[in-house]
Amino acid sequence: MNRKLRKELASHKCSLDGEYYCMHHPDALLPKYRMECNCRKPRPGLLFQAAKEKDLDLSKSFFVGDALVDVKAGRAAGCTTILLGHPTTFLASLIEEEGARPNFMLPSLKQVPDLLESLRIRSS
């Protein structure tokens, strides 16, 4: 999946500067990973770590995800959020119930580069 993602982004002259993972889970099978932590979404710990390591301004960053925990993490870090998926009445009610309204919603990852480019042009 990572190779496919990088290839698709490269075709639009975009790239990833890093990848961050949280191995913790309150119900993890291995005791060393069984914990509550700040890096597991919807908490923004990994976003803050990336910002520090990569010298990023999160207020000028985009967080793309396919779940409401992604929107929550991105918002908690001060990012502009993009939720991937198709709007449905059920999803709209979940977004309201969870307080996880994304800044943008797109049907697939393929539309993200075009959105970012159009926003870049508008802000120029």
PDB file of N, CA and C in Angstrom:
ATOM      1  N   MET A   1       0.828  -1.188   0.000  1.00  0.00           N
ATOM      2  CA  MET A   1       0.000   0.000   0.000  1.00  0.00           C
ATOM      3  C   MET A   1       0.874   1.254   0.000  1.00  0.00           C
ATOM      4  N   ASN A   2       1.947   1.232   0.789  1.00  0.00           N
ATOM      5  CA  ASN A   2       2.821   2.406   0.845  1.00  0.00           C
ATOM      6  C   ASN A   2       3.456   2.699  -0.505  1.00  0.00           C
ATOM      7  N   ARG A   3       3.879   1.649  -1.217  1.00  0.00           N
ATOM      8  CA  ARG A   3       4.460   1.856  -2.560  1.00  0.00           C
ATOM      9  C   ARG A   3       3.422   2.447  -3.501  1.00  0.00           C
ATOM     10  N   LYS A   4       2.208   1.918  -3.459  1.00  0.00           N
ATOM     11  CA  LYS A   4       1.138   2.421  -4.318  1.00  0.00           C
ATOM     12  C   LYS A   4       0.841   3.889  -4.009  1.00  0.00           C
ATOM     13  N   LEU A   5       0.774   4.218  -2.728  1.00  0.00           N
ATOM     14  CA  LEU A   5       0.513   5.590  -2.323  1.00  0.00           C
ATOM     15  C   LEU A   5       1.616   6.522  -2.815  1.00  0.00           C
ATOM     16  N   ARG A   6       2.860   6.140  -2.601  1.00  0.00           N
ATOM     17  CA  ARG A   6       3.982   6.980  -3.042  1.00  0.00           C
ATOM     18  C   ARG A   6       3.996   7.145  -4.569  1.00  0.00           C
ATOM     19  N   LYS A   7       3.682   6.077  -5.284  1.00  0.00           N
ATOM     20  CA  LYS A   7       3.655   6.140  -6.751  1.00  0.00           C
ATOM     21  C   LYS A   7       2.560   7.089  -7.232  1.00  0.00           C
ATOM     22  N   GLU A   8       1.387   6.980  -6.640  1.00  0.00           N
ATOM     23  CA  GLU A   8       0.272   7.855  -7.023  1.00  0.00           C
ATOM     24  C   GLU A   8       0.599   9.312  -6.721  1.00  0.00           C
ATOM     25  N   LEU A   9       1.165   9.564  -5.566  1.00  0.00           N
ATOM     26  CA  LEU A   9       1.533  10.937  -5.222  1.00  0.00           C
ATOM     27  C   LEU A   9       2.605  11.467  -6.168  1.00  0.00           C
ATOM     28  N   ALA A  10       3.587  10.649  -6.493  1.00  0.00           N
ATOM     29  CA  ALA A  10       4.667  11.071  -7.390  1.00  0.00           C
ATOM     30  C   ALA A  10       4.125  11.431  -8.774  1.00  0.00           C
ATOM     31  N   SER A  11       3.094  10.739  -9.217  1.00  0.00           N
ATOM     32  CA  SER A  11       2.523  11.052 -10.533  1.00  0.00           C
ATOM     33  C   SER A  11       1.900  12.445 -10.557  1.00  0.00           C
ATOM     34  N   HIS A  12       1.660  13.004  -9.376  1.00  0.00           N
ATOM     35  CA  HIS A  12       1.113  14.359  -9.255  1.00  0.00           C
ATOM     36  C   HIS A  12       2.139  15.330  -8.673  1.00  0.00           C
ATOM     37  N   LYS A  13       3.398  14.908  -8.734  1.00  0.00           N
ATOM     38  CA  LYS A  13       4.515  15.722  -8.234  1.00  0.00           C
ATOM     39  C   LYS A  13       4.381  16.023  -6.733  1.00  0.00           C
ATOM     40  N   CYS A  14       3.881  15.042  -5.989  1.00  0.00           N
ATOM     41  CA  CYS A  14       3.769  15.131  -4.539  1.00  0.00           C
ATOM     42  C   CYS A  14       4.594  14.003  -3.914  1.00  0.00           C
ATOM     43  N   SER A  15       4.939  14.171  -2.666  1.00  0.00           N
ATOM     44  CA  SER A  15       5.700  13.119  -1.988  1.00  0.00           C
ATOM     45  C   SER A  15       5.386  13.122  -0.495  1.00  0.00           C
ATOM     46  N   LEU A  16       5.780  12.036   0.159  1.00  0.00           N
ATOM     47  CA  LEU A  16       5.663  11.934   1.607  1.00  0.00           C
ATOM     48  C   LEU A  16       7.031  12.181   2.209  1.00  0.00           C
ATOM     49  N   ASP A  17       7.073  12.947   3.275  1.00  0.00           N
ATOM     50  CA  ASP A  17       8.336  13.212   3.963  1.00  0.00           C
ATOM     51  C   ASP A  17       8.574  12.233   5.102  1.00  0.00           C
ATOM     52  N   GLY A  18       7.574  11.469   5.475  1.00  0.00           N
ATOM     53  CA  GLY A  18       7.732  10.500   6.549  1.00  0.00           C
ATOM     54  C   GLY A  18       6.453   9.729   6.772  1.00  0.00           C
ATOM     55  N   GLU A  19       6.576   8.661   7.536  1.00  0.00           N
ATOM     56  CA  GLU A  19       5.434   7.841   7.916  1.00  0.00           C
ATOM     57  C   GLU A  19       5.566   7.543   9.401  1.00  0.00           C
ATOM     58  N   TYR A  20       4.475   7.664  10.124  1.00  0.00           N
ATOM     59  CA  TYR A  20       4.487   7.474  11.564  1.00  0.00           C
ATOM     60  C   TYR A  20       3.397   6.478  11.945  1.00  0.00           C
ATOM     61  N   TYR A  21       3.726   5.586  12.877  1.00  0.00           N
ATOM     62  CA  TYR A  21       2.797   4.541  13.299  1.00  0.00           C
ATOM     63  C   TYR A  21       2.743   4.471  14.811  1.00  0.00           C
ATOM     64  N   CYS A  22       1.579   4.190  15.333  1.00  0.00           N
ATOM     65  CA  CYS A  22       1.420   3.914  16.758  1.00  0.00           C
ATOM     66  C   CYS A  22       1.169   2.418  16.907  1.00  0.00           C
ATOM     67  N   MET A  23       1.992   1.767  17.694  1.00  0.00           N
ATOM     68  CA  MET A  23       1.853   0.326  17.923  1.00  0.00           C
ATOM     69  C   MET A  23       1.070   0.028  19.206  1.00  0.00           C
ATOM     70  N   HIS A  24       0.670   1.074  19.923  1.00  0.00           N
ATOM     71  CA  HIS A  24      -0.014   0.875  21.195  1.00  0.00           C
ATOM     72  C   HIS A  24      -1.511   0.649  21.000  1.00  0.00           C
ATOM     73  N   HIS A  25      -2.079  -0.109  21.916  1.00  0.00           N
ATOM     74  CA  HIS A  25      -3.524  -0.319  21.937  1.00  0.00           C
ATOM     75  C   HIS A  25      -3.902  -0.787  23.341  1.00  0.00           C
ATOM     76  N   PRO A  26      -4.974  -0.276  23.884  1.00  0.00           N
ATOM     77  CA  PRO A  26      -5.358  -0.686  25.244  1.00  0.00           C
ATOM     78  C   PRO A  26      -5.587  -2.196  25.387  1.00  0.00           C
ATOM     79  N   ASP A  27      -5.924  -2.875  24.285  1.00  0.00           N
ATOM     80  CA  ASP A  27      -6.187  -4.324  24.324  1.00  0.00           C
ATOM     81  C   ASP A  27      -5.134  -5.129  23.570  1.00  0.00           C
ATOM     82  N   ALA A  28      -3.940  -4.582  23.374  1.00  0.00           N
ATOM     83  CA  ALA A  28      -2.886  -5.276  22.621  1.00  0.00           C
ATOM     84  C   ALA A  28      -2.560  -6.621  23.263  1.00  0.00           C
ATOM     85  N   LEU A  29      -2.224  -7.602  22.431  1.00  0.00           N
ATOM     86  CA  LEU A  29      -1.860  -8.918  22.939  1.00  0.00           C
ATOM     87  C   LEU A  29      -0.520  -8.892  23.669  1.00  0.00           C
ATOM     88  N   LEU A  30       0.429  -8.129  23.145  1.00  0.00           N
ATOM     89  CA  LEU A  30       1.745  -8.038  23.778  1.00  0.00           C
ATOM     90  C   LEU A  30       1.722  -6.955  24.858  1.00  0.00           C
ATOM     91  N   PRO A  31       2.087  -7.305  26.076  1.00  0.00           N
ATOM     92  CA  PRO A  31       2.028  -6.327  27.174  1.00  0.00           C
ATOM     93  C   PRO A  31       2.793  -5.034  26.919  1.00  0.00           C
ATOM     94  N   LYS A  32       3.922  -5.109  26.190  1.00  0.00           N
ATOM     95  CA  LYS A  32       4.698  -3.884  25.976  1.00  0.00           C
ATOM     96  C   LYS A  32       3.950  -2.860  25.124  1.00  0.00           C
ATOM     97  N   TYR A  33       2.944  -3.287  24.361  1.00  0.00           N
ATOM     98  CA  TYR A  33       2.148  -2.372  23.540  1.00  0.00           C
ATOM     99  C   TYR A  33       0.787  -2.057  24.157  1.00  0.00           C
ATOM    100  N   ARG A  34       0.445  -2.700  25.268  1.00  0.00           N
ATOM    101  CA  ARG A  34      -0.871  -2.544  25.887  1.00  0.00           C
ATOM    102  C   ARG A  34      -0.869  -1.298  26.769  1.00  0.00           C
ATOM    103  N   MET A  35      -1.338  -0.197  26.210  1.00  0.00           N
ATOM    104  CA  MET A  35      -1.364   1.056  26.973  1.00  0.00           C
ATOM    105  C   MET A  35      -2.192   2.108  26.247  1.00  0.00           C
ATOM    106  N   GLU A  36      -2.607   3.097  27.020  1.00  0.00           N
ATOM    107  CA  GLU A  36      -3.180   4.323  26.468  1.00  0.00           C
ATOM    108  C   GLU A  36      -1.995   5.234  26.194  1.00  0.00           C
ATOM    109  N   CYS A  37      -2.001   5.934  25.095  1.00  0.00           N
ATOM    110  CA  CYS A  37      -0.869   6.798  24.778  1.00  0.00           C
ATOM    111  C   CYS A  37      -1.364   8.048  24.057  1.00  0.00           C
ATOM    112  N   ASN A  38      -0.479   8.988  23.884  1.00  0.00           N
ATOM    113  CA  ASN A  38      -0.800  10.234  23.191  1.00  0.00           C
ATOM    114  C   ASN A  38      -0.617  10.106  21.686  1.00  0.00           C
ATOM    115  N   CYS A  39      -0.016   9.003  21.231  1.00  0.00           N
ATOM    116  CA  CYS A  39       0.257   8.884  19.792  1.00  0.00           C
ATOM    117  C   CYS A  39      -0.837   8.123  19.043  1.00  0.00           C
ATOM    118  N   ARG A  40      -1.777   7.522  19.759  1.00  0.00           N
ATOM    119  CA  ARG A  40      -2.845   6.783  19.089  1.00  0.00           C
ATOM    120  C   ARG A  40      -4.005   7.723  18.761  1.00  0.00           C
ATOM    121  N   LYS A  41      -4.393   7.736  17.489  1.00  0.00           N
ATOM    122  CA  LYS A  41      -5.505   8.585  17.084  1.00  0.00           C
ATOM    123  C   LYS A  41      -6.753   8.211  17.891  1.00  0.00           C
ATOM    124  N   PRO A  42      -7.536   9.156  18.290  1.00  0.00           N
ATOM    125  CA  PRO A  42      -7.635  10.525  17.798  1.00  0.00           C
ATOM    126  C   PRO A  42      -6.718  11.529  18.481  1.00  0.00           C
ATOM    127  N   ARG A  43      -5.853  11.073  19.346  1.00  0.00           N
ATOM    128  CA  ARG A  43      -4.896  12.005  19.963  1.00  0.00           C
ATOM    129  C   ARG A  43      -3.850  12.411  18.924  1.00  0.00           C
ATOM    130  N   PRO A  44      -3.321  13.608  19.016  1.00  0.00           N
ATOM    131  CA  PRO A  44      -2.437  14.135  17.964  1.00  0.00           C
ATOM    132  C   PRO A  44      -0.934  13.947  18.201  1.00  0.00           C
ATOM    133  N   GLY A  45      -0.546  13.062  19.113  1.00  0.00           N
ATOM    134  CA  GLY A  45       0.865  12.935  19.472  1.00  0.00           C
ATOM    135  C   GLY A  45       1.808  12.695  18.301  1.00  0.00           C
ATOM    136  N   LEU A  46       1.447  11.807  17.379  1.00  0.00           N
ATOM    137  CA  LEU A  46       2.328  11.543  16.236  1.00  0.00           C
ATOM    138  C   LEU A  46       2.420  12.739  15.300  1.00  0.00           C
ATOM    139  N   LEU A  47       1.360  13.510  15.212  1.00  0.00           N
ATOM    140  CA  LEU A  47       1.402  14.715  14.385  1.00  0.00           C
ATOM    141  C   LEU A  47       2.346  15.740  14.993  1.00  0.00           C
ATOM    142  N   PHE A  48       2.300  15.868  16.311  1.00  0.00           N
ATOM    143  CA  PHE A  48       3.233  16.789  16.983  1.00  0.00           C
ATOM    144  C   PHE A  48       4.673  16.305  16.836  1.00  0.00           C
ATOM    145  N   GLN A  49       4.874  14.981  16.908  1.00  0.00           N
ATOM    146  CA  GLN A  49       6.212  14.428  16.723  1.00  0.00           C
ATOM    147  C   GLN A  49       6.732  14.729  15.317  1.00  0.00           C
ATOM    148  N   ALA A  50       5.891  14.498  14.315  1.00  0.00           N
ATOM    149  CA  ALA A  50       6.286  14.771  12.925  1.00  0.00           C
ATOM    150  C   ALA A  50       6.593  16.253  12.733  1.00  0.00           C
ATOM    151  N   ALA A  51       5.767  17.101  13.318  1.00  0.00           N
ATOM    152  CA  ALA A  51       5.986  18.543  13.178  1.00  0.00           C
ATOM    153  C   ALA A  51       7.333  18.945  13.759  1.00  0.00           C
ATOM    154  N   LYS A  52       7.668  18.380  14.885  1.00  0.00           N
ATOM    155  CA  LYS A  52       8.946  18.697  15.526  1.00  0.00           C
ATOM    156  C   LYS A  52      10.112  18.167  14.685  1.00  0.00           C
ATOM    157  N   GLU A  53      10.028  16.898  14.260  1.00  0.00           N
ATOM    158  CA  GLU A  53      11.122  16.277  13.508  1.00  0.00           C
ATOM    159  C   GLU A  53      11.307  16.884  12.123  1.00  0.00           C
ATOM    160  N   LYS A  54      10.220  17.292  11.493  1.00  0.00           N
ATOM    161  CA  LYS A  54      10.278  17.791  10.112  1.00  0.00           C
ATOM    162  C   LYS A  54      10.141  19.308  10.025  1.00  0.00           C
ATOM    163  N   ASP A  55      10.098  19.969  11.170  1.00  0.00           N
ATOM    164  CA  ASP A  55       9.962  21.425  11.234  1.00  0.00           C
ATOM    165  C   ASP A  55       8.740  21.885  10.426  1.00  0.00           C
ATOM    166  N   LEU A  56       7.588  21.324  10.772  1.00  0.00           N
ATOM    167  CA  LEU A  56       6.339  21.613  10.060  1.00  0.00           C
ATOM    168  C   LEU A  56       5.485  22.600  10.833  1.00  0.00           C
ATOM    169  N   ASP A  57       4.792  23.427  10.120  1.00  0.00           N
ATOM    170  CA  ASP A  57       3.772  24.293  10.697  1.00  0.00           C
ATOM    171  C   ASP A  57       2.440  23.574  10.491  1.00  0.00           C
ATOM    172  N   LEU A  58       1.927  22.967  11.544  1.00  0.00           N
ATOM    173  CA  LEU A  58       0.703  22.182  11.410  1.00  0.00           C
ATOM    174  C   LEU A  58      -0.486  23.020  10.984  1.00  0.00           C
ATOM    175  N   SER A  59      -0.469  24.308  11.256  1.00  0.00           N
ATOM    176  CA  SER A  59      -1.572  25.167  10.822  1.00  0.00           C
ATOM    177  C   SER A  59      -1.579  25.340   9.306  1.00  0.00           C
ATOM    178  N   LYS A  60      -0.484  24.985   8.654  1.00  0.00           N
ATOM    179  CA  LYS A  60      -0.404  25.041   7.190  1.00  0.00           C
ATOM    180  C   LYS A  60      -0.333  23.649   6.589  1.00  0.00           C
ATOM    181  N   SER A  61      -0.669  22.633   7.387  1.00  0.00           N
ATOM    182  CA  SER A  61      -0.578  21.236   6.957  1.00  0.00           C
ATOM    183  C   SER A  61      -1.961  20.638   6.750  1.00  0.00           C
ATOM    184  N   PHE A  62      -1.995  19.576   5.945  1.00  0.00           N
ATOM    185  CA  PHE A  62      -3.219  18.840   5.671  1.00  0.00           C
ATOM    186  C   PHE A  62      -3.093  17.446   6.251  1.00  0.00           C
ATOM    187  N   PHE A  63      -4.168  16.970   6.872  1.00  0.00           N
ATOM    188  CA  PHE A  63      -4.200  15.611   7.390  1.00  0.00           C
ATOM    189  C   PHE A  63      -5.306  14.883   6.654  1.00  0.00           C
ATOM    190  N   VAL A  64      -4.930  13.837   5.935  1.00  0.00           N
ATOM    191  CA  VAL A  64      -5.856  13.076   5.100  1.00  0.00           C
ATOM    192  C   VAL A  64      -6.115  11.731   5.760  1.00  0.00           C
ATOM    193  N   GLY A  65      -7.378  11.354   5.871  1.00  0.00           N
ATOM    194  CA  GLY A  65      -7.703  10.061   6.450  1.00  0.00           C
ATOM    195  C   GLY A  65      -9.052   9.565   5.993  1.00  0.00           C
ATOM    196  N   ASP A  66      -9.322   8.316   6.339  1.00  0.00           N
ATOM    197  CA  ASP A  66     -10.580   7.699   5.910  1.00  0.00           C
ATOM    198  C   ASP A  66     -11.496   7.360   7.084  1.00  0.00           C
ATOM    199  N   ALA A  67     -11.205   7.921   8.243  1.00  0.00           N
ATOM    200  CA  ALA A  67     -12.030   7.657   9.421  1.00  0.00           C
ATOM    201  C   ALA A  67     -12.166   8.937  10.250  1.00  0.00           C
ATOM    202  N   LEU A  68     -13.193   8.977  11.074  1.00  0.00           N
ATOM    203  CA  LEU A  68     -13.422  10.167  11.882  1.00  0.00           C
ATOM    204  C   LEU A  68     -12.319  10.382  12.920  1.00  0.00           C
ATOM    205  N   VAL A  69     -11.648   9.302  13.359  1.00  0.00           N
ATOM    206  CA  VAL A  69     -10.515   9.500  14.281  1.00  0.00           C
ATOM    207  C   VAL A  69      -9.408  10.282  13.591  1.00  0.00           C
ATOM    208  N   ASP A  70      -9.274  10.148  12.270  1.00  0.00           N
ATOM    209  CA  ASP A  70      -8.281  10.922  11.520  1.00  0.00           C
ATOM    210  C   ASP A  70      -8.638  12.403  11.533  1.00  0.00           C
ATOM    211  N   VAL A  71      -9.904  12.685  11.321  1.00  0.00           N
ATOM    212  CA  VAL A  71     -10.370  14.079  11.358  1.00  0.00           C
ATOM    213  C   VAL A  71     -10.128  14.670  12.744  1.00  0.00           C
ATOM    214  N   LYS A  72     -10.454  13.909  13.777  1.00  0.00           N
ATOM    215  CA  LYS A  72     -10.266  14.397  15.150  1.00  0.00           C
ATOM    216  C   LYS A  72      -8.793  14.663  15.448  1.00  0.00           C
ATOM    217  N   ALA A  73      -7.926  13.755  15.044  1.00  0.00           N
ATOM    218  CA  ALA A  73      -6.487  13.940  15.290  1.00  0.00           C
ATOM    219  C   ALA A  73      -5.974  15.163  14.536  1.00  0.00           C
ATOM    220  N   GLY A  74      -6.347  15.280  13.273  1.00  0.00           N
ATOM    221  CA  GLY A  74      -5.912  16.426  12.480  1.00  0.00           C
ATOM    222  C   GLY A  74      -6.396  17.743  13.057  1.00  0.00           C
ATOM    223  N   ARG A  75      -7.638  17.779  13.456  1.00  0.00           N
ATOM    224  CA  ARG A  75      -8.187  19.009  14.053  1.00  0.00           C
ATOM    225  C   ARG A  75      -7.499  19.331  15.370  1.00  0.00           C
ATOM    226  N   ALA A  76      -7.231  18.305  16.187  1.00  0.00           N
ATOM    227  CA  ALA A  76      -6.576  18.524  17.481  1.00  0.00           C
ATOM    228  C   ALA A  76      -5.163  19.083  17.304  1.00  0.00           C
ATOM    229  N   ALA A  77      -4.549  18.757  16.169  1.00  0.00           N
ATOM    230  CA  ALA A  77      -3.195  19.251  15.890  1.00  0.00           C
ATOM    231  C   ALA A  77      -3.209  20.589  15.156  1.00  0.00           C
ATOM    232  N   GLY A  78      -4.388  21.049  14.750  1.00  0.00           N
ATOM    233  CA  GLY A  78      -4.483  22.333  14.053  1.00  0.00           C
ATOM    234  C   GLY A  78      -4.337  22.240  12.552  1.00  0.00           C
ATOM    235  N   CYS A  79      -4.453  21.033  11.997  1.00  0.00           N
ATOM    236  CA  CYS A  79      -4.320  20.829  10.545  1.00  0.00           C
ATOM    237  C   CYS A  79      -5.648  21.069   9.831  1.00  0.00           C
ATOM    238  N   THR A  80      -5.566  21.296   8.535  1.00  0.00           N
ATOM    239  CA  THR A  80      -6.737  21.245   7.671  1.00  0.00           C
ATOM    240  C   THR A  80      -6.985  19.765   7.402  1.00  0.00           C
ATOM    241  N   THR A  81      -8.227  19.316   7.547  1.00  0.00           N
ATOM    242  CA  THR A  81      -8.516  17.891   7.435  1.00  0.00           C
ATOM    243  C   THR A  81      -9.260  17.554   6.147  1.00  0.00           C
ATOM    244  N   ILE A  82      -8.910  16.386   5.607  1.00  0.00           N
ATOM    245  CA  ILE A  82      -9.562  15.860   4.409  1.00  0.00           C
ATOM    246  C   ILE A  82     -10.016  14.446   4.735  1.00  0.00           C
ATOM    247  N   LEU A  83     -11.326  14.218   4.685  1.00  0.00           N
ATOM    248  CA  LEU A  83     -11.882  12.897   4.930  1.00  0.00           C
ATOM    249  C   LEU A  83     -12.160  12.233   3.588  1.00  0.00           C
ATOM    250  N   LEU A  84     -11.664  11.016   3.428  1.00  0.00           N
ATOM    251  CA  LEU A  84     -11.906  10.253   2.209  1.00  0.00           C
ATOM    252  C   LEU A  84     -13.135   9.381   2.403  1.00  0.00           C
ATOM    253  N   GLY A  85     -14.043   9.432   1.457  1.00  0.00           N
ATOM    254  CA  GLY A  85     -15.247   8.621   1.536  1.00  0.00           C
ATOM    255  C   GLY A  85     -16.390   9.287   0.805  1.00  0.00           C
ATOM    256  N   HIS A  86     -17.488   8.589   0.774  1.00  0.00           N
ATOM    257  CA  HIS A  86     -18.675   9.102   0.099  1.00  0.00           C
ATOM    258  C   HIS A  86     -19.674   9.583   1.140  1.00  0.00           C
ATOM    259  N   PRO A  87     -20.167  10.806   0.979  1.00  0.00           N
ATOM    260  CA  PRO A  87     -21.123  11.317   1.966  1.00  0.00           C
ATOM    261  C   PRO A  87     -22.430  10.523   1.939  1.00  0.00           C
ATOM    262  N   THR A  88     -22.866  10.142   3.106  1.00  0.00           N
ATOM    263  CA  THR A  88     -24.159   9.468   3.271  1.00  0.00           C
ATOM    264  C   THR A  88     -24.870  10.143   4.441  1.00  0.00           C
ATOM    265  N   THR A  89     -26.131   9.906   4.545  1.00  0.00           N
ATOM    266  CA  THR A  89     -26.890  10.454   5.665  1.00  0.00           C
ATOM    267  C   THR A  89     -26.337   9.922   6.977  1.00  0.00           C
ATOM    268  N   PHE A  90     -25.981   8.638   6.995  1.00  0.00           N
ATOM    269  CA  PHE A  90     -25.425   8.030   8.201  1.00  0.00           C
ATOM    270  C   PHE A  90     -24.095   8.680   8.571  1.00  0.00           C
ATOM    271  N   LEU A  91     -23.222   8.865   7.591  1.00  0.00           N
ATOM    272  CA  LEU A  91     -21.927   9.491   7.864  1.00  0.00           C
ATOM    273  C   LEU A  91     -22.109  10.923   8.342  1.00  0.00           C
ATOM    274  N   ALA A  92     -23.022  11.651   7.723  1.00  0.00           N
ATOM    275  CA  ALA A  92     -23.277  13.036   8.146  1.00  0.00           C
ATOM    276  C   ALA A  92     -23.734  13.081   9.603  1.00  0.00           C
ATOM    277  N   SER A  93     -24.592  12.145   9.995  1.00  0.00           N
ATOM    278  CA  SER A  93     -25.052  12.137  11.392  1.00  0.00           C
ATOM    279  C   SER A  93     -23.912  11.740  12.329  1.00  0.00           C
ATOM    280  N   LEU A  94     -23.048  10.818  11.915  1.00  0.00           N
ATOM    281  CA  LEU A  94     -21.882  10.450  12.734  1.00  0.00           C
ATOM    282  C   LEU A  94     -20.927  11.623  12.893  1.00  0.00           C
ATOM    283  N   ILE A  95     -20.690  12.349  11.810  1.00  0.00           N
ATOM    284  CA  ILE A  95     -19.809  13.521  11.866  1.00  0.00           C
ATOM    285  C   ILE A  95     -20.327  14.516  12.892  1.00  0.00           C
ATOM    286  N   GLU A  96     -21.634  14.777  12.871  1.00  0.00           N
ATOM    287  CA  GLU A  96     -22.225  15.708  13.827  1.00  0.00           C
ATOM    288  C   GLU A  96     -22.149  15.153  15.245  1.00  0.00           C
ATOM    289  N   GLU A  97     -22.498  13.887  15.397  1.00  0.00           N
ATOM    290  CA  GLU A  97     -22.495  13.250  16.714  1.00  0.00           C
ATOM    291  C   GLU A  97     -21.098  13.247  17.339  1.00  0.00           C
ATOM    292  N   GLU A  98     -20.078  12.984  16.516  1.00  0.00           N
ATOM    293  CA  GLU A  98     -18.695  12.890  16.998  1.00  0.00           C
ATOM    294  C   GLU A  98     -17.988  14.249  17.044  1.00  0.00           C
ATOM    295  N   GLY A  99     -18.604  15.277  16.486  1.00  0.00           N
ATOM    296  CA  GLY A  99     -17.945  16.584  16.420  1.00  0.00           C
ATOM    297  C   GLY A  99     -16.675  16.509  15.594  1.00  0.00           C
ATOM    298  N   ALA A 100     -16.761  15.831  14.461  1.00  0.00           N
ATOM    299  CA  ALA A 100     -15.575  15.567  13.640  1.00  0.00           C
ATOM    300  C   ALA A 100     -15.789  16.033  12.202  1.00  0.00           C
ATOM    301  N   ARG A 101     -16.191  17.280  12.045  1.00  0.00           N
ATOM    302  CA  ARG A 101     -16.440  17.805  10.699  1.00  0.00           C
ATOM    303  C   ARG A 101     -15.116  18.088   9.997  1.00  0.00           C
ATOM    304  N   PRO A 102     -14.879  17.430   8.859  1.00  0.00           N
ATOM    305  CA  PRO A 102     -13.645  17.690   8.115  1.00  0.00           C
ATOM    306  C   PRO A 102     -13.738  19.009   7.352  1.00  0.00           C
ATOM    307  N   ASN A 103     -12.594  19.573   7.009  1.00  0.00           N
ATOM    308  CA  ASN A 103     -12.593  20.771   6.175  1.00  0.00           C
ATOM    309  C   ASN A 103     -13.018  20.442   4.750  1.00  0.00           C
ATOM    310  N   PHE A 104     -12.625  19.256   4.293  1.00  0.00           N
ATOM    311  CA  PHE A 104     -12.961  18.797   2.943  1.00  0.00           C
ATOM    312  C   PHE A 104     -13.304  17.322   3.000  1.00  0.00           C
ATOM    313  N   MET A 105     -14.137  16.881   2.050  1.00  0.00           N
ATOM    314  CA  MET A 105     -14.436  15.463   1.906  1.00  0.00           C
ATOM    315  C   MET A 105     -14.317  15.116   0.439  1.00  0.00           C
ATOM    316  N   LEU A 106     -13.534  14.084   0.157  1.00  0.00           N
ATOM    317  CA  LEU A 106     -13.299  13.650  -1.218  1.00  0.00           C
ATOM    318  C   LEU A 106     -13.599  12.160  -1.331  1.00  0.00           C
ATOM    319  N   PRO A 107     -14.035  11.713  -2.519  1.00  0.00           N
ATOM    320  CA  PRO A 107     -14.371  10.297  -2.665  1.00  0.00           C
ATOM    321  C   PRO A 107     -13.158   9.361  -2.601  1.00  0.00           C
ATOM    322  N   SER A 108     -11.973   9.837  -2.997  1.00  0.00           N
ATOM    323  CA  SER A 108     -10.809   8.952  -2.951  1.00  0.00           C
ATOM    324  C   SER A 108      -9.520   9.746  -2.869  1.00  0.00           C
ATOM    325  N   LEU A 109      -8.463   9.051  -2.558  1.00  0.00           N
ATOM    326  CA  LEU A 109      -7.145   9.652  -2.441  1.00  0.00           C
ATOM    327  C   LEU A 109      -6.684  10.281  -3.753  1.00  0.00           C
ATOM    328  N   LYS A 110      -7.177   9.763  -4.857  1.00  0.00           N
ATOM    329  CA  LYS A 110      -6.770  10.283  -6.169  1.00  0.00           C
ATOM    330  C   LYS A 110      -7.121  11.758  -6.356  1.00  0.00           C
ATOM    331  N   GLN A 111      -8.132  12.257  -5.661  1.00  0.00           N
ATOM    332  CA  GLN A 111      -8.546  13.651  -5.802  1.00  0.00           C
ATOM    333  C   GLN A 111      -7.737  14.605  -4.928  1.00  0.00           C
ATOM    334  N   VAL A 112      -6.988  14.094  -3.969  1.00  0.00           N
ATOM    335  CA  VAL A 112      -6.270  14.958  -3.029  1.00  0.00           C
ATOM    336  C   VAL A 112      -5.263  15.876  -3.724  1.00  0.00           C
ATOM    337  N   PRO A 113      -4.392  15.351  -4.600  1.00  0.00           N
ATOM    338  CA  PRO A 113      -3.432  16.271  -5.235  1.00  0.00           C
ATOM    339  C   PRO A 113      -4.096  17.421  -5.997  1.00  0.00           C
ATOM    340  N   ASP A 114      -5.195  17.131  -6.683  1.00  0.00           N
ATOM    341  CA  ASP A 114      -5.885  18.196  -7.424  1.00  0.00           C
ATOM    342  C   ASP A 114      -6.467  19.238  -6.465  1.00  0.00           C
ATOM    343  N   LEU A 115      -7.015  18.795  -5.350  1.00  0.00           N
ATOM    344  CA  LEU A 115      -7.533  19.736  -4.349  1.00  0.00           C
ATOM    345  C   LEU A 115      -6.398  20.608  -3.820  1.00  0.00           C
ATOM    346  N   LEU A 116      -5.284  19.999  -3.458  1.00  0.00           N
ATOM    347  CA  LEU A 116      -4.162  20.759  -2.924  1.00  0.00           C
ATOM    348  C   LEU A 116      -3.640  21.769  -3.951  1.00  0.00           C
ATOM    349  N   GLU A 117      -3.576  21.366  -5.183  1.00  0.00           N
ATOM    350  CA  GLU A 117      -3.128  22.279  -6.234  1.00  0.00           C
ATOM    351  C   GLU A 117      -4.099  23.441  -6.399  1.00  0.00           C
ATOM    352  N   SER A 118      -5.403  23.162  -6.388  1.00  0.00           N
ATOM    353  CA  SER A 118      -6.380  24.250  -6.546  1.00  0.00           C
ATOM    354  C   SER A 118      -6.325  25.205  -5.354  1.00  0.00           C
ATOM    355  N   LEU A 119      -6.078  24.688  -4.159  1.00  0.00           N
ATOM    356  CA  LEU A 119      -5.943  25.552  -2.983  1.00  0.00           C
ATOM    357  C   LEU A 119      -4.670  26.376  -3.060  1.00  0.00           C
ATOM    358  N   ARG A 120      -3.597  25.785  -3.577  1.00  0.00           N
ATOM    359  CA  ARG A 120      -2.342  26.509  -3.730  1.00  0.00           C
ATOM    360  C   ARG A 120      -2.507  27.667  -4.717  1.00  0.00           C
ATOM    361  N   ILE A 121      -3.192  27.418  -5.808  1.00  0.00           N
ATOM    362  CA  ILE A 121      -3.424  28.448  -6.824  1.00  0.00           C
ATOM    363  C   ILE A 121      -4.279  29.581  -6.243  1.00  0.00           C
ATOM    364  N   ARG A 122      -5.331  29.210  -5.490  1.00  0.00           N
ATOM    365  CA  ARG A 122      -6.200  30.217  -4.886  1.00  0.00           C
ATOM    366  C   ARG A 122      -5.476  31.102  -3.892  1.00  0.00           C
ATOM    367  N   SER A 123      -4.514  30.517  -3.169  1.00  0.00           N
ATOM    368  CA  SER A 123      -3.811  31.300  -2.143  1.00  0.00           C
ATOM    369  C   SER A 123      -2.657  32.106  -2.706  1.00  0.00           C
ATOM    370  N   SER A 124      -2.342  31.901  -3.968  1.00  0.00           N
ATOM    371  CA  SER A 124      -1.228  32.653  -4.590  1.00  0.00           C
ATOM    372  C   SER A 124      -1.618  34.071  -4.915  1.00  0.00           C
TER     373      SER A 124
END
